[in-house]
Amino acid sequence: MDFWQRYRAIDSRDTRFDGQFVTAVATTKIYCRPSCPARTPKPANVTFYQTSAAAHQAGYRACKRCLPEAVPGTPDWNLRSDAAARAMRLISDGEVDRTGVPGLAARLGYSTRQLNRILHQELGAGPLALARATRAQTARSLLTSSGLRFADIAFAAGFSSVRQFNDTVQEVFALTPSDLRARARTTRETPDPGGAGTTLSLLLPLRAPYDPGIFEFLRVRAIDGTEHATTDRYERLLQLPGGQGWFSARLATTPHGLPALAITVLVEMLPDLPVLLSRIRRLFDLDADPLAVDAVLGSDPVLAGRVQRIPGMRLPGSVDPHEILIRAMIGQQITVKAARTALHRLAVLGSPATLEPHRGGDAQLHRLFPTAAQVADGGAGLLKGPARRIDSILRVSSALADGSLQIGVEDSAGDLERKLLPLPGIGPWTVRYVAMRVLGATDIHLVNDAAILNGWAALNGQASQTKLETTPPILIKTMEHFSPWRSYATMHLWRAAADHPPIPRAKATPR
């Protein structure tokens, strides 16, 4: 967007752009979200920044009226695959807090000087400033939504001391932590002291519309004992950097009537809280721009009706890249139901839960998804199917476990192809599926996927067709028109296939 496109957005108070940039006003030294209800400033006094960290660094403080930190994140970090976007995904996942700027740079393959230069050029702020802004956002959320003590909030948000926490909150929001908490017109929940860990309930902002079908997607793939889902709620156990975690999620609205994802979380170690929140946001694709996606998908006559009936389709992400790769390899060339059965057998390898969720849990969750090392060590006797495929799964799991194969949110789709395609048992479909789930890659077309072919046939009135062995050229051409949102078109076609009787095929290619 150029200057005048952004200026028109703030003049119209367009909420679609909240979180995608901030508006800094020279005369007040304040920055706002695009939808701030304050009077529109004169163009000569306005500077737009892509991140709040850049505005902080330029000497601006957050608006007390619109609280620009309390908005969904930018969708650019999934849409873009450059170094800046990959760095932002890692910063949100807490990499700077765990390993510092040198560790972040190493994960991305740059020197610290190169990384600083790239981020300053692209985002207007360096990695420390961007991490500091992320801590401030987490602190604000905990101050306004929980009854945690200030010292615990400082620790949970990643600050090294209470003094640093106080200074940052004062500088960013021009309010003390006490003032910020007092101004919040919400009911704050005091953490439950019972049991191990810390339990909190929070509301995560998102952009409307939001289709709840993502819960059904997770439900049919849920592994008993590790995760549980219904058509409107999802919960699971997972391993975090410092210990175990659990969360339960459902759609809700804020006290101001805005859509949100209501979550209850339980963490063994408080510093893991920002990491968990970041992974939940990625799993539920909360930072997507659904209106931009639907505008492109709805322009095609085949999908227009479905987009109108099912607005705001979301792209399911992941909480663990290794888990998604193992699940994708097990699910190759078999149905979703068969893959789930295979994963249930494998799940007995998972470590027992040390946490006991005592609020909001609908199921008895008692084990983690097995690590790559556990699959490599014990999977041979549990995996079924062709010996070559079992050997491929065990080899890849062993490579993940010993670090000779590394994948994560710092990768691009091209990086995943380079790392995974040479490995026996991994083809283009698996690599693209992993990119879609792990990176949130928005422009993936799973060529010759059976469910996509069935969904396309159903939408084109070809339900009586008995066989679709290859992708029709018209489908390839149509998917190209959906770029850069082909992953969301894939979700619509998968849903269409589930909504219609399947077309018989000699071999299925599941998700």
Protein backbone atom coordinates (compact mmCIF):
# COMPACT_ATOMS: atom_id res chain seq x y z
CA MET A 1 0.00 0.00 0.00
CA ASP A 2 1.23 3.50 -0.79
CA PHE A 3 0.83 6.54 1.46
CA TRP A 4 -2.54 7.63 0.07
CA GLN A 5 -4.07 4.17 0.21
CA ARG A 6 -3.15 4.00 3.88
CA TYR A 7 -4.37 7.52 4.49
CA ARG A 8 -7.77 6.69 2.96
CA ALA A 9 -7.90 3.62 5.22
CA ILE A 10 -7.41 5.71 8.39
CA ASP A 11 -9.81 8.39 7.14
CA SER A 12 -12.53 5.75 6.80
CA ARG A 13 -11.61 4.11 10.17
CA ASP A 14 -11.26 0.78 8.30
CA THR A 15 -10.82 -2.01 10.86
CA ARG A 16 -9.54 -4.40 8.18
CA PHE A 17 -6.14 -2.75 8.40
CA ASP A 18 -5.75 -2.90 12.17
CA GLY A 19 -2.47 -4.67 12.87
CA GLN A 20 -1.14 -4.23 9.34
CA PHE A 21 0.40 -0.81 10.00
CA VAL A 22 0.27 2.01 12.54
CA THR A 23 -0.26 5.73 12.06
CA ALA A 24 2.20 8.05 13.82
CA VAL A 25 1.28 11.73 14.25
CA ALA A 26 4.16 14.19 14.55
CA THR A 27 2.20 16.87 16.42
CA THR A 28 1.13 14.54 19.25
CA LYS A 29 3.98 11.98 19.16
CA ILE A 30 1.31 9.27 19.37
CA TYR A 31 0.74 6.28 17.09
CA CYS A 32 -2.66 4.67 16.51
CA ARG A 33 -4.32 1.74 14.83
CA PRO A 34 -5.95 2.59 11.45
CA SER A 35 -9.47 2.45 12.91
CA CYS A 36 -8.77 4.87 15.78
CA PRO A 37 -11.87 7.03 16.34
CA ALA A 38 -9.78 10.17 16.91
CA ARG A 39 -9.94 12.96 14.34
CA THR A 40 -7.99 12.18 11.18
CA PRO A 41 -4.66 14.06 11.28
CA LYS A 42 -3.42 16.19 8.41
CA PRO A 43 -1.40 14.23 5.84
CA ALA A 44 1.65 16.41 6.43
CA ASN A 45 1.75 15.28 10.07
CA VAL A 46 1.41 11.55 9.37
CA THR A 47 4.05 8.84 9.09
CA PHE A 48 3.08 5.22 8.58
CA TYR A 49 5.08 2.39 10.14
CA GLN A 50 4.65 -1.31 9.44
CA THR A 51 5.32 -2.27 13.05
CA SER A 52 4.72 -0.69 16.42
CA ALA A 53 8.38 -1.35 17.21
CA ALA A 54 9.39 1.07 14.46
CA ALA A 55 7.05 3.70 15.90
CA HIS A 56 8.52 3.14 19.39
CA GLN A 57 12.01 3.53 18.02
CA ALA A 58 11.04 6.77 16.28
CA GLY A 59 9.91 8.24 19.61
CA TYR A 60 6.14 7.67 19.48
CA ARG A 61 3.95 6.17 22.17
CA ALA A 62 0.79 4.10 21.86
CA CYS A 63 -2.60 5.80 21.78
CA LYS A 64 -4.48 5.40 25.07
CA ARG A 65 -7.80 5.54 23.26
CA CYS A 66 -7.44 2.84 20.59
CA LEU A 67 -4.60 0.71 22.12
CA PRO A 68 -2.94 -0.32 18.83
CA GLU A 69 -1.25 -3.26 20.57
CA ALA A 70 -4.63 -4.96 21.14
CA VAL A 71 -5.20 -5.96 17.51
CA PRO A 72 -4.57 -9.05 15.38
CA GLY A 73 -1.09 -9.34 13.91
CA THR A 74 -0.17 -8.62 10.32
CA PRO A 75 -0.93 -11.35 7.75
CA ASP A 76 2.29 -10.43 5.93
CA TRP A 77 4.42 -12.86 7.94
CA ASN A 78 2.64 -15.81 6.27
CA LEU A 79 2.18 -14.13 2.89
CA ARG A 80 5.85 -13.14 2.65
CA SER A 81 8.75 -15.60 2.72
CA ASP A 82 11.65 -13.14 2.89
CA ALA A 83 14.13 -12.87 5.76
CA ALA A 84 12.08 -10.19 7.56
CA ALA A 85 8.93 -12.34 7.61
CA ARG A 86 10.84 -15.42 8.73
CA ALA A 87 12.48 -13.37 11.49
CA MET A 88 9.11 -12.09 12.69
CA ARG A 89 7.75 -15.63 12.93
CA LEU A 90 10.72 -16.61 15.08
CA ILE A 91 10.52 -13.49 17.24
CA SER A 92 6.84 -14.19 17.91
CA ASP A 93 7.84 -17.72 18.90
CA GLY A 94 10.22 -16.33 21.54
CA GLU A 95 13.56 -17.02 19.83
CA VAL A 96 15.17 -13.74 20.97
CA ASP A 97 14.17 -14.40 24.59
CA ARG A 98 15.63 -17.91 24.42
CA THR A 99 18.85 -17.45 22.44
CA GLY A 100 19.25 -13.70 21.91
CA VAL A 101 19.88 -11.91 18.62
CA PRO A 102 22.88 -14.15 17.78
CA GLY A 103 20.66 -17.22 18.08
CA LEU A 104 17.96 -15.62 15.93
CA ALA A 105 20.51 -14.69 13.26
CA ALA A 106 21.98 -18.19 13.29
CA ARG A 107 18.55 -19.79 12.78
CA LEU A 108 18.08 -17.56 9.73
CA GLY A 109 21.58 -18.06 8.34
CA TYR A 110 22.77 -14.44 8.73
CA SER A 111 25.27 -12.58 10.83
CA THR A 112 23.82 -10.31 13.52
CA ARG A 113 24.93 -7.25 11.53
CA GLN A 114 23.24 -8.49 8.36
CA LEU A 115 20.03 -9.30 10.22
CA ASN A 116 19.94 -5.88 11.90
CA ARG A 117 20.38 -4.19 8.55
CA ILE A 118 17.65 -6.27 6.86
CA LEU A 119 15.11 -5.66 9.61
CA HIS A 120 15.83 -1.94 9.80
CA GLN A 121 15.42 -1.65 6.03
CA GLU A 122 12.24 -3.74 5.84
CA LEU A 123 10.49 -3.01 9.15
CA GLY A 124 12.12 0.12 10.54
CA ALA A 125 13.39 -1.58 13.70
CA GLY A 126 15.97 -4.13 14.75
CA PRO A 127 15.35 -7.54 16.35
CA LEU A 128 15.70 -6.27 19.93
CA ALA A 129 13.11 -3.54 19.35
CA LEU A 130 10.75 -5.99 17.64
CA ALA A 131 11.11 -8.48 20.50
CA ARG A 132 10.53 -5.65 23.00
CA ALA A 133 7.30 -4.70 21.23
CA THR A 134 6.17 -8.33 21.39
CA ARG A 135 6.85 -8.37 25.14
CA ALA A 136 4.87 -5.15 25.56
CA GLN A 137 1.90 -6.67 23.73
CA THR A 138 1.98 -9.76 25.92
CA ALA A 139 2.29 -7.64 29.06
CA ARG A 140 -0.68 -5.47 28.06
CA SER A 141 -2.81 -8.55 27.43
CA LEU A 142 -1.93 -10.05 30.81
CA LEU A 143 -2.40 -6.76 32.66
CA THR A 144 -5.88 -6.20 31.26
CA SER A 145 -7.11 -9.80 31.21
CA SER A 146 -5.63 -11.49 34.27
CA GLY A 147 -5.05 -10.93 37.93
CA LEU A 148 -1.42 -12.05 37.80
CA ARG A 149 1.01 -10.17 40.01
CA PHE A 150 3.16 -7.63 38.18
CA ALA A 151 6.32 -9.62 38.89
CA ASP A 152 4.77 -12.72 37.34
CA ILE A 153 3.61 -10.73 34.30
CA ALA A 154 7.10 -9.34 33.82
CA PHE A 155 8.53 -12.86 33.98
CA ALA A 156 5.87 -14.33 31.71
CA ALA A 157 6.20 -11.61 29.06
CA GLY A 158 9.96 -12.14 28.77
CA PHE A 159 11.33 -9.14 30.66
CA SER A 160 14.55 -9.67 32.56
CA SER A 161 13.43 -7.59 35.55
CA VAL A 162 10.38 -5.89 37.02
CA ARG A 163 12.09 -2.54 36.51
CA GLN A 164 12.53 -3.22 32.78
CA PHE A 165 8.86 -4.25 32.63
CA ASN A 166 7.74 -1.05 34.38
CA ASP A 167 9.92 1.16 32.18
CA THR A 168 8.78 -0.46 28.94
CA VAL A 169 5.08 -0.29 29.79
CA GLN A 170 5.46 3.35 30.81
CA GLU A 171 7.37 4.22 27.64
CA VAL A 172 5.14 2.33 25.19
CA PHE A 173 1.74 3.15 26.65
CA ALA A 174 2.48 6.31 28.65
CA LEU A 175 0.79 4.56 31.57
CA THR A 176 2.10 2.66 34.55
CA PRO A 177 1.15 -1.02 34.78
CA SER A 178 -1.31 -0.10 37.55
CA ASP A 179 -2.91 2.60 35.39
CA LEU A 180 -3.15 0.29 32.38
CA ARG A 181 -4.84 -2.38 34.45
CA ALA A 182 -7.21 0.14 36.04
CA ARG A 183 -8.29 1.54 32.66
CA ALA A 184 -9.26 -1.91 31.32
CA ARG A 185 -13.01 -2.35 31.51
CA THR A 186 -12.86 -6.11 31.67
CA THR A 187 -13.23 -8.71 34.35
CA ARG A 188 -9.81 -9.98 35.31
CA GLU A 189 -9.45 -13.55 36.40
CA THR A 190 -7.12 -14.44 39.22
CA PRO A 191 -4.94 -17.42 38.27
CA ASP A 192 -6.03 -20.68 39.83
CA PRO A 193 -3.42 -21.70 42.41
CA GLY A 194 -4.52 -25.34 42.45
CA GLY A 195 -2.35 -28.01 40.83
CA ALA A 196 0.89 -27.65 38.90
CA GLY A 197 1.53 -24.68 36.65
CA THR A 198 -0.44 -21.50 36.06
CA THR A 199 -3.92 -21.36 34.53
CA LEU A 200 -5.21 -18.26 32.75
CA SER A 201 -8.14 -17.33 30.54
CA LEU A 202 -7.57 -14.79 27.75
CA LEU A 203 -9.21 -13.41 24.62
CA LEU A 204 -7.08 -13.37 21.46
CA PRO A 205 -8.17 -10.81 18.83
CA LEU A 206 -8.89 -11.88 15.25
CA ARG A 207 -10.24 -10.41 12.03
CA ALA A 208 -13.86 -11.12 11.14
CA PRO A 209 -15.38 -13.05 9.55
CA TYR A 210 -14.07 -16.29 11.04
CA ASP A 211 -15.42 -19.63 9.84
CA PRO A 212 -15.59 -22.20 12.67
CA GLY A 213 -14.97 -25.08 10.26
CA ILE A 214 -11.36 -25.21 11.44
CA PHE A 215 -12.63 -26.98 14.57
CA GLU A 216 -14.13 -29.75 12.42
CA PHE A 217 -10.86 -30.05 10.51
CA LEU A 218 -9.02 -30.59 13.79
CA ARG A 219 -11.75 -32.87 15.18
CA VAL A 220 -11.49 -35.53 12.49
CA ARG A 221 -7.70 -35.64 12.95
CA ALA A 222 -7.57 -35.48 16.76
CA ILE A 223 -5.49 -38.12 18.53
CA ASP A 224 -7.13 -39.53 21.64
CA GLY A 225 -5.27 -38.72 24.84
CA THR A 226 -3.31 -35.85 23.25
CA GLU A 227 -6.03 -33.64 21.78
CA HIS A 228 -9.80 -33.41 21.80
CA ALA A 229 -12.11 -31.45 19.54
CA THR A 230 -15.78 -30.85 18.88
CA THR A 231 -17.37 -28.70 16.21
CA ASP A 232 -16.81 -25.60 18.35
CA ARG A 233 -13.96 -26.35 20.79
CA TYR A 234 -10.43 -27.72 20.63
CA GLU A 235 -8.00 -28.63 23.38
CA ARG A 236 -4.64 -30.37 23.54
CA LEU A 237 -1.43 -31.00 25.43
CA LEU A 238 1.92 -29.98 23.95
CA GLN A 239 5.57 -29.62 24.79
CA LEU A 240 6.93 -26.06 25.12
CA PRO A 241 10.56 -24.94 25.49
CA GLY A 242 10.48 -24.90 29.29
CA GLY A 243 7.88 -27.53 30.10
CA GLN A 244 4.47 -28.85 29.18
CA GLY A 245 1.43 -26.81 28.28
CA TRP A 246 -2.29 -27.26 27.68
CA PHE A 247 -4.95 -25.07 26.15
CA SER A 248 -8.62 -25.07 25.28
CA ALA A 249 -10.01 -22.75 22.58
CA ARG A 250 -13.42 -21.64 21.32
CA LEU A 251 -14.86 -18.67 19.45
CA ALA A 252 -16.29 -15.81 21.53
CA THR A 253 -16.72 -12.05 21.56
CA THR A 254 -15.01 -9.37 23.62
CA PRO A 255 -16.92 -7.12 26.04
CA HIS A 256 -16.90 -4.57 23.21
CA GLY A 257 -18.64 -6.99 20.84
CA LEU A 258 -15.56 -7.81 18.75
CA PRO A 259 -14.82 -11.39 17.65
CA ALA A 260 -12.07 -13.23 19.50
CA LEU A 261 -10.74 -16.66 20.31
CA ALA A 262 -11.40 -17.43 23.97
CA ILE A 263 -8.65 -19.60 25.40
CA THR A 264 -7.87 -21.15 28.73
CA VAL A 265 -4.21 -22.05 29.05
CA LEU A 266 -2.15 -23.97 31.57
CA VAL A 267 1.63 -23.69 31.47
CA GLU A 268 4.16 -25.47 33.63
CA MET A 269 6.61 -22.55 33.27
CA LEU A 270 5.39 -18.95 32.98
CA PRO A 271 8.04 -17.87 30.42
CA ASP A 272 6.45 -20.35 28.00
CA LEU A 273 3.21 -18.34 27.93
CA PRO A 274 4.13 -16.01 25.01
CA VAL A 275 5.33 -19.00 23.00
CA LEU A 276 2.07 -20.83 23.62
CA LEU A 277 0.00 -17.79 22.65
CA SER A 278 2.00 -17.40 19.44
CA ARG A 279 1.49 -21.05 18.51
CA ILE A 280 -2.24 -20.87 19.20
CA ARG A 281 -2.48 -17.82 16.92
CA ARG A 282 -0.69 -19.75 14.18
CA LEU A 283 -2.77 -22.91 14.67
CA PHE A 284 -6.02 -20.98 14.28
CA ASP A 285 -4.72 -18.53 11.63
CA LEU A 286 -5.89 -15.55 13.70
CA ASP A 287 -3.81 -12.99 11.80
CA ALA A 288 -5.28 -13.75 8.37
CA ASP A 289 -7.02 -11.07 6.30
CA PRO A 290 -10.26 -12.90 5.37
CA LEU A 291 -11.75 -10.07 3.35
CA ALA A 292 -8.71 -9.94 1.08
CA VAL A 293 -8.82 -13.72 0.66
CA ASP A 294 -12.57 -13.88 0.01
CA ALA A 295 -12.41 -11.03 -2.49
CA VAL A 296 -10.09 -13.08 -4.71
CA LEU A 297 -11.75 -16.48 -4.21
CA GLY A 298 -15.24 -15.02 -4.61
CA SER A 299 -14.37 -13.60 -8.02
CA ASP A 300 -14.53 -17.09 -9.55
CA PRO A 301 -18.03 -18.38 -10.38
CA VAL A 302 -17.22 -21.90 -9.13
CA LEU A 303 -16.28 -20.73 -5.62
CA ALA A 304 -18.35 -17.56 -5.40
CA GLY A 305 -21.38 -19.27 -3.87
CA ARG A 306 -19.34 -21.14 -1.27
CA VAL A 307 -17.38 -18.04 -0.30
CA GLN A 308 -20.64 -16.19 0.22
CA ARG A 309 -22.05 -19.00 2.37
CA ILE A 310 -18.77 -19.74 4.20
CA PRO A 311 -16.89 -16.46 4.61
CA GLY A 312 -13.65 -16.27 6.54
CA MET A 313 -12.25 -19.74 5.84
CA ARG A 314 -9.09 -20.30 7.86
CA LEU A 315 -5.91 -22.27 7.22
CA PRO A 316 -5.07 -24.71 10.06
CA GLY A 317 -1.52 -24.25 11.28
CA SER A 318 0.53 -26.29 13.72
CA VAL A 319 2.01 -26.22 17.21
CA ASP A 320 5.00 -28.43 16.32
CA PRO A 321 6.73 -28.63 12.90
CA HIS A 322 8.17 -32.10 13.58
CA GLU A 323 4.74 -33.42 14.48
CA ILE A 324 3.22 -32.16 11.23
CA LEU A 325 5.96 -33.77 9.11
CA ILE A 326 5.53 -37.14 10.84
CA ARG A 327 1.74 -36.94 10.56
CA ALA A 328 1.98 -36.00 6.88
CA MET A 329 4.29 -38.94 6.10
CA ILE A 330 2.03 -41.40 7.92
CA GLY A 331 -1.01 -40.00 6.09
CA GLN A 332 0.41 -40.38 2.58
CA GLN A 333 -1.72 -42.49 0.23
CA ILE A 334 -4.26 -43.49 2.87
CA THR A 335 -7.50 -41.95 4.08
CA VAL A 336 -7.77 -39.50 6.95
CA LYS A 337 -9.53 -42.16 9.03
CA ALA A 338 -6.78 -44.71 8.38
CA ALA A 339 -4.09 -42.15 9.18
CA ARG A 340 -5.79 -41.31 12.45
CA THR A 341 -5.91 -45.02 13.37
CA ALA A 342 -2.18 -45.33 12.64
CA LEU A 343 -1.42 -42.27 14.73
CA HIS A 344 -3.47 -43.63 17.63
CA ARG A 345 -1.21 -46.71 17.65
CA LEU A 346 1.90 -44.54 17.52
CA ALA A 347 0.66 -42.18 20.24
CA VAL A 348 1.39 -44.71 23.01
CA LEU A 349 5.04 -43.69 22.63
CA GLY A 350 4.28 -40.16 23.85
CA SER A 351 5.47 -38.98 27.25
CA PRO A 352 2.86 -38.92 30.03
CA ALA A 353 1.33 -35.59 30.94
CA THR A 354 2.63 -33.85 34.03
CA LEU A 355 -0.19 -31.28 33.92
CA GLU A 356 -3.78 -31.87 34.95
CA PRO A 357 -6.15 -29.28 33.47
CA HIS A 358 -8.73 -28.62 36.15
CA ARG A 359 -10.93 -26.15 34.30
CA GLY A 360 -12.47 -26.18 30.87
CA GLY A 361 -11.24 -29.64 29.90
CA ASP A 362 -13.81 -31.87 28.22
CA ALA A 363 -11.58 -34.91 27.80
CA GLN A 364 -8.98 -36.89 29.69
CA LEU A 365 -5.75 -35.83 28.04
CA HIS A 366 -2.87 -37.78 29.45
CA ARG A 367 0.04 -37.85 26.99
CA LEU A 368 2.02 -35.71 24.57
CA PHE A 369 2.40 -36.43 20.88
CA PRO A 370 5.55 -38.59 20.58
CA THR A 371 8.76 -36.77 19.81
CA ALA A 372 10.80 -37.60 16.72
CA ALA A 373 13.26 -39.48 18.94
CA GLN A 374 10.47 -41.59 20.44
CA VAL A 375 9.12 -42.42 16.97
CA ALA A 376 12.60 -43.35 15.74
CA ASP A 377 13.24 -45.60 18.75
CA GLY A 378 9.87 -47.30 19.13
CA GLY A 379 7.90 -46.79 15.92
CA ALA A 380 9.09 -49.89 14.05
CA GLY A 381 6.76 -52.23 15.90
CA LEU A 382 3.75 -49.90 15.74
CA LEU A 383 3.76 -48.57 12.19
CA LYS A 384 1.90 -50.61 9.57
CA GLY A 385 2.13 -50.62 5.80
CA PRO A 386 4.85 -51.05 3.17
CA ALA A 387 8.30 -51.64 4.64
CA ARG A 388 9.81 -48.88 2.49
CA ARG A 389 7.40 -46.28 3.85
CA ILE A 390 7.97 -47.38 7.46
CA ASP A 391 11.73 -47.17 6.91
CA SER A 392 11.35 -43.64 5.47
CA ILE A 393 9.33 -42.47 8.50
CA LEU A 394 11.90 -43.93 10.90
CA ARG A 395 14.84 -42.41 9.00
CA VAL A 396 13.26 -38.95 8.88
CA SER A 397 12.33 -39.17 12.57
CA SER A 398 15.91 -40.11 13.42
CA ALA A 399 17.24 -37.17 11.38
CA LEU A 400 14.87 -34.79 13.17
CA ALA A 401 15.92 -36.21 16.53
CA ASP A 402 19.68 -35.89 15.98
CA GLY A 403 19.41 -32.45 14.36
CA SER A 404 20.73 -33.45 10.93
CA LEU A 405 17.32 -32.39 9.59
CA GLN A 406 15.94 -29.10 10.92
CA ILE A 407 12.64 -27.55 9.90
CA GLY A 408 10.64 -24.76 11.50
CA VAL A 409 8.88 -21.45 11.09
CA GLU A 410 12.17 -19.85 10.05
CA ASP A 411 12.05 -21.75 6.74
CA SER A 412 10.55 -20.66 3.46
CA ALA A 413 8.63 -23.02 1.18
CA GLY A 414 11.77 -23.21 -0.98
CA ASP A 415 13.86 -24.16 2.06
CA LEU A 416 11.49 -27.03 2.83
CA GLU A 417 11.72 -28.31 -0.75
CA ARG A 418 15.51 -28.20 -0.60
CA LYS A 419 15.63 -30.04 2.74
CA LEU A 420 12.83 -32.58 2.30
CA LEU A 421 12.52 -33.56 -1.37
CA PRO A 422 15.88 -35.42 -1.50
CA LEU A 423 14.74 -37.69 1.36
CA PRO A 424 13.30 -41.12 0.43
CA GLY A 425 9.57 -41.34 1.00
CA ILE A 426 8.88 -37.59 0.74
CA GLY A 427 7.35 -36.20 -2.43
CA PRO A 428 6.06 -32.80 -3.57
CA TRP A 429 2.61 -33.30 -1.96
CA THR A 430 4.13 -33.86 1.49
CA VAL A 431 6.48 -30.88 1.20
CA ARG A 432 3.66 -28.56 0.13
CA TYR A 433 1.34 -29.81 2.85
CA VAL A 434 4.04 -29.23 5.50
CA ALA A 435 4.62 -25.71 4.11
CA MET A 436 0.90 -24.99 4.34
CA ARG A 437 0.58 -26.20 7.93
CA VAL A 438 3.96 -25.24 9.45
CA LEU A 439 4.63 -21.93 7.68
CA GLY A 440 1.04 -20.88 7.13
CA ALA A 441 2.02 -20.59 3.45
CA THR A 442 -0.95 -19.00 1.72
CA ASP A 443 -0.28 -20.00 -1.89
CA ILE A 444 -0.11 -23.80 -1.93
CA HIS A 445 -1.80 -26.01 -4.54
CA LEU A 446 -1.66 -29.73 -3.73
CA VAL A 447 -1.66 -31.06 -7.27
CA ASN A 448 -3.54 -34.36 -7.78
CA ASP A 449 -4.83 -34.42 -4.21
CA ALA A 450 -7.86 -36.71 -4.32
CA ALA A 451 -10.04 -34.59 -2.05
CA ILE A 452 -9.31 -31.45 -4.10
CA LEU A 453 -10.26 -33.32 -7.28
CA ASN A 454 -13.45 -34.61 -5.67
CA GLY A 455 -14.35 -31.17 -4.36
CA TRP A 456 -13.75 -29.61 -7.78
CA ALA A 457 -15.88 -32.28 -9.47
CA ALA A 458 -18.69 -31.78 -6.95
CA LEU A 459 -18.73 -28.01 -7.43
CA ASN A 460 -18.85 -28.49 -11.19
CA GLY A 461 -21.76 -30.90 -11.06
CA GLN A 462 -19.66 -33.97 -11.85
CA ALA A 463 -20.68 -36.08 -8.85
CA SER A 464 -21.52 -39.03 -11.11
CA GLN A 465 -17.99 -39.13 -12.56
CA THR A 466 -16.31 -42.35 -11.44
CA LYS A 467 -12.63 -41.51 -11.82
CA LEU A 468 -10.36 -38.46 -11.75
CA GLU A 469 -6.77 -39.62 -12.08
CA THR A 470 -5.11 -36.28 -12.89
CA THR A 471 -5.79 -32.65 -12.20
CA PRO A 472 -7.94 -31.13 -14.97
CA PRO A 473 -6.12 -28.30 -16.78
CA ILE A 474 -9.00 -25.93 -16.03
CA LEU A 475 -8.50 -26.55 -12.28
CA ILE A 476 -4.80 -25.72 -12.54
CA LYS A 477 -5.61 -22.53 -14.42
CA THR A 478 -8.34 -21.57 -11.96
CA MET A 479 -6.04 -22.15 -8.97
CA GLU A 480 -3.45 -19.88 -10.58
CA HIS A 481 -6.06 -17.11 -10.63
CA PHE A 482 -6.47 -17.56 -6.84
CA SER A 483 -2.82 -16.71 -6.16
CA PRO A 484 -1.60 -15.71 -3.57
CA TRP A 485 -4.45 -17.41 -1.71
CA ARG A 486 -4.46 -20.92 -3.22
CA SER A 487 -4.14 -22.54 0.22
CA TYR A 488 -7.53 -21.08 1.17
CA ALA A 489 -9.03 -22.31 -2.10
CA THR A 490 -7.66 -25.73 -1.14
CA MET A 491 -9.56 -25.54 2.16
CA HIS A 492 -12.79 -24.70 0.29
CA LEU A 493 -12.33 -27.65 -2.07
CA TRP A 494 -11.58 -30.01 0.81
CA ARG A 495 -14.75 -28.83 2.52
CA ALA A 496 -16.74 -29.32 -0.70
CA ALA A 497 -15.42 -32.88 -0.95
CA ALA A 498 -16.49 -33.57 2.64
CA ASP A 499 -19.95 -32.11 1.96
CA HIS A 500 -20.62 -34.38 -1.06
CA PRO A 501 -20.49 -38.15 -1.55
CA PRO A 502 -16.94 -39.12 -2.51
CA ILE A 503 -16.11 -40.11 -6.05
CA PRO A 504 -14.73 -43.68 -6.09
CA ARG A 505 -11.03 -43.85 -6.85
CA ALA A 506 -8.45 -46.59 -7.15
CA LYS A 507 -6.21 -44.81 -4.61
CA ALA A 508 -6.85 -41.99 -2.15
CA THR A 509 -4.49 -39.15 -1.34
CA PRO A 510 -5.59 -37.79 2.06
CA ARG A 511 -4.72 -34.73 4.02
